[in-house]
Amino acid sequence: MNETTRTKTTSRTQEQSSVNNEVSKVALISISAFGAIIGTWSLIALISAMVQSGGPLQLIGNWFKAVAGL
């Protein structure tokens, strides 16, 4: 009688790689969303400053005055 024994070897490399990919995706999405929020906030602040100053040229003039200490 000739008996053949089969063993099944499973590998966790695929699972580890999949988890790493998911973590990378979440990190990339989080960083991108945070960057978009900061960009939106800065654009709103710039528009608000232009409205407060009276326009883009007045904003630049007021900025130079503030930096120069006039």
C-alpha atoms as a PDB file:
ATOM      1  CA  MET A   1       0.000   0.000   0.000  1.00  0.00           C
ATOM      2  CA  ASN A   2       1.312   3.314  -1.035  1.00  0.00           C
ATOM      3  CA  GLU A   3      -0.096   6.238   0.913  1.00  0.00           C
ATOM      4  CA  THR A   4       0.385   9.762  -0.208  1.00  0.00           C
ATOM      5  CA  THR A   5       0.139  12.481   2.351  1.00  0.00           C
ATOM      6  CA  ARG A   6      -0.832  15.899   1.206  1.00  0.00           C
ATOM      7  CA  THR A   7      -0.250  18.917   3.310  1.00  0.00           C
ATOM      8  CA  LYS A   8      -1.692  22.267   2.591  1.00  0.00           C
ATOM      9  CA  THR A   9       0.508  25.212   3.356  1.00  0.00           C
ATOM     10  CA  THR A  10      -1.135  28.554   3.668  1.00  0.00           C
ATOM     11  CA  SER A  11       0.659  31.819   3.463  1.00  0.00           C
ATOM     12  CA  ARG A  12      -0.189  34.986   5.327  1.00  0.00           C
ATOM     13  CA  THR A  13       1.794  37.156   2.966  1.00  0.00           C
ATOM     14  CA  GLN A  14      -1.300  37.982   0.932  1.00  0.00           C
ATOM     15  CA  GLU A  15      -3.254  39.022   4.027  1.00  0.00           C
ATOM     16  CA  GLN A  16      -0.386  41.149   5.327  1.00  0.00           C
ATOM     17  CA  SER A  17       0.012  42.807   1.950  1.00  0.00           C
ATOM     18  CA  SER A  18      -3.714  43.471   1.731  1.00  0.00           C
ATOM     19  CA  VAL A  19      -3.783  45.058   5.195  1.00  0.00           C
ATOM     20  CA  ASN A  20      -0.783  47.232   4.332  1.00  0.00           C
ATOM     21  CA  ASN A  21      -2.487  48.364   1.137  1.00  0.00           C
ATOM     22  CA  GLU A  22      -5.663  49.295   2.993  1.00  0.00           C
ATOM     23  CA  VAL A  23      -3.730  51.225   5.636  1.00  0.00           C
ATOM     24  CA  SER A  24      -1.854  53.070   2.888  1.00  0.00           C
ATOM     25  CA  LYS A  25      -5.118  53.941   1.140  1.00  0.00           C
ATOM     26  CA  VAL A  26      -6.655  55.291   4.346  1.00  0.00           C
ATOM     27  CA  ALA A  27      -3.540  57.331   5.102  1.00  0.00           C
ATOM     28  CA  LEU A  28      -3.452  58.774   1.581  1.00  0.00           C
ATOM     29  CA  ILE A  29      -7.137  59.698   1.682  1.00  0.00           C
ATOM     30  CA  SER A  30      -6.763  61.280   5.132  1.00  0.00           C
ATOM     31  CA  ILE A  31      -3.756  63.369   4.117  1.00  0.00           C
ATOM     32  CA  SER A  32      -5.453  64.445   0.880  1.00  0.00           C
ATOM     33  CA  ALA A  33      -8.639  65.427   2.698  1.00  0.00           C
ATOM     34  CA  PHE A  34      -6.676  67.398   5.283  1.00  0.00           C
ATOM     35  CA  GLY A  35      -4.782  69.195   2.506  1.00  0.00           C
ATOM     36  CA  ALA A  36      -8.046  70.041   0.758  1.00  0.00           C
ATOM     37  CA  ILE A  37      -9.499  71.434   3.988  1.00  0.00           C
ATOM     38  CA  ILE A  38      -6.420  73.619   4.561  1.00  0.00           C
ATOM     39  CA  GLY A  39      -6.483  74.813   0.945  1.00  0.00           C
ATOM     40  CA  THR A  40     -10.150  75.720   1.176  1.00  0.00           C
ATOM     41  CA  TRP A  41      -9.586  77.555   4.449  1.00  0.00           C
ATOM     42  CA  SER A  42      -6.677  79.566   3.016  1.00  0.00           C
ATOM     43  CA  LEU A  43      -8.701  80.527  -0.074  1.00  0.00           C
ATOM     44  CA  ILE A  44     -11.608  81.676   2.101  1.00  0.00           C
ATOM     45  CA  ALA A  45      -9.200  83.690   4.285  1.00  0.00           C
ATOM     46  CA  LEU A  46      -7.649  85.362   1.228  1.00  0.00           C
ATOM     47  CA  ILE A  47     -11.052  86.267  -0.209  1.00  0.00           C
ATOM     48  CA  SER A  48     -12.155  87.603   3.166  1.00  0.00           C
ATOM     49  CA  ALA A  49      -9.005  89.741   3.401  1.00  0.00           C
ATOM     50  CA  MET A  50      -9.643  91.160  -0.070  1.00  0.00           C
ATOM     51  CA  VAL A  51     -13.219  92.033   0.859  1.00  0.00           C
ATOM     52  CA  GLN A  52     -12.089  93.677   4.126  1.00  0.00           C
ATOM     53  CA  SER A  53      -9.356  95.669   2.337  1.00  0.00           C
ATOM     54  CA  GLY A  54     -11.499  96.810  -0.548  1.00  0.00           C
ATOM     55  CA  GLY A  55      -9.939  94.770  -3.343  1.00  0.00           C
ATOM     56  CA  PRO A  56      -6.792  92.947  -4.364  1.00  0.00           C
ATOM     57  CA  LEU A  57      -4.650  96.063  -4.917  1.00  0.00           C
ATOM     58  CA  GLN A  58      -5.595  97.513  -1.546  1.00  0.00           C
ATOM     59  CA  LEU A  59      -4.830  94.136   0.039  1.00  0.00           C
ATOM     60  CA  ILE A  60      -1.325  94.147  -1.431  1.00  0.00           C
ATOM     61  CA  GLY A  61      -0.801  97.748  -0.297  1.00  0.00           C
ATOM     62  CA  ASN A  62      -2.021  96.967   3.220  1.00  0.00           C
ATOM     63  CA  TRP A  63       0.207  93.875   3.329  1.00  0.00           C
ATOM     64  CA  PHE A  64       3.294  95.936   2.441  1.00  0.00           C
ATOM     65  CA  LYS A  65       2.337  98.506   5.070  1.00  0.00           C
ATOM     66  CA  ALA A  66       1.955  95.792   7.703  1.00  0.00           C
ATOM     67  CA  VAL A  67       5.262  94.120   6.812  1.00  0.00           C
ATOM     68  CA  ALA A  68       7.137  97.436   6.668  1.00  0.00           C
ATOM     69  CA  GLY A  69       5.569  98.598   9.923  1.00  0.00           C
ATOM     70  CA  LEU A  70       4.062 101.748   8.478  1.00  0.00           C
END
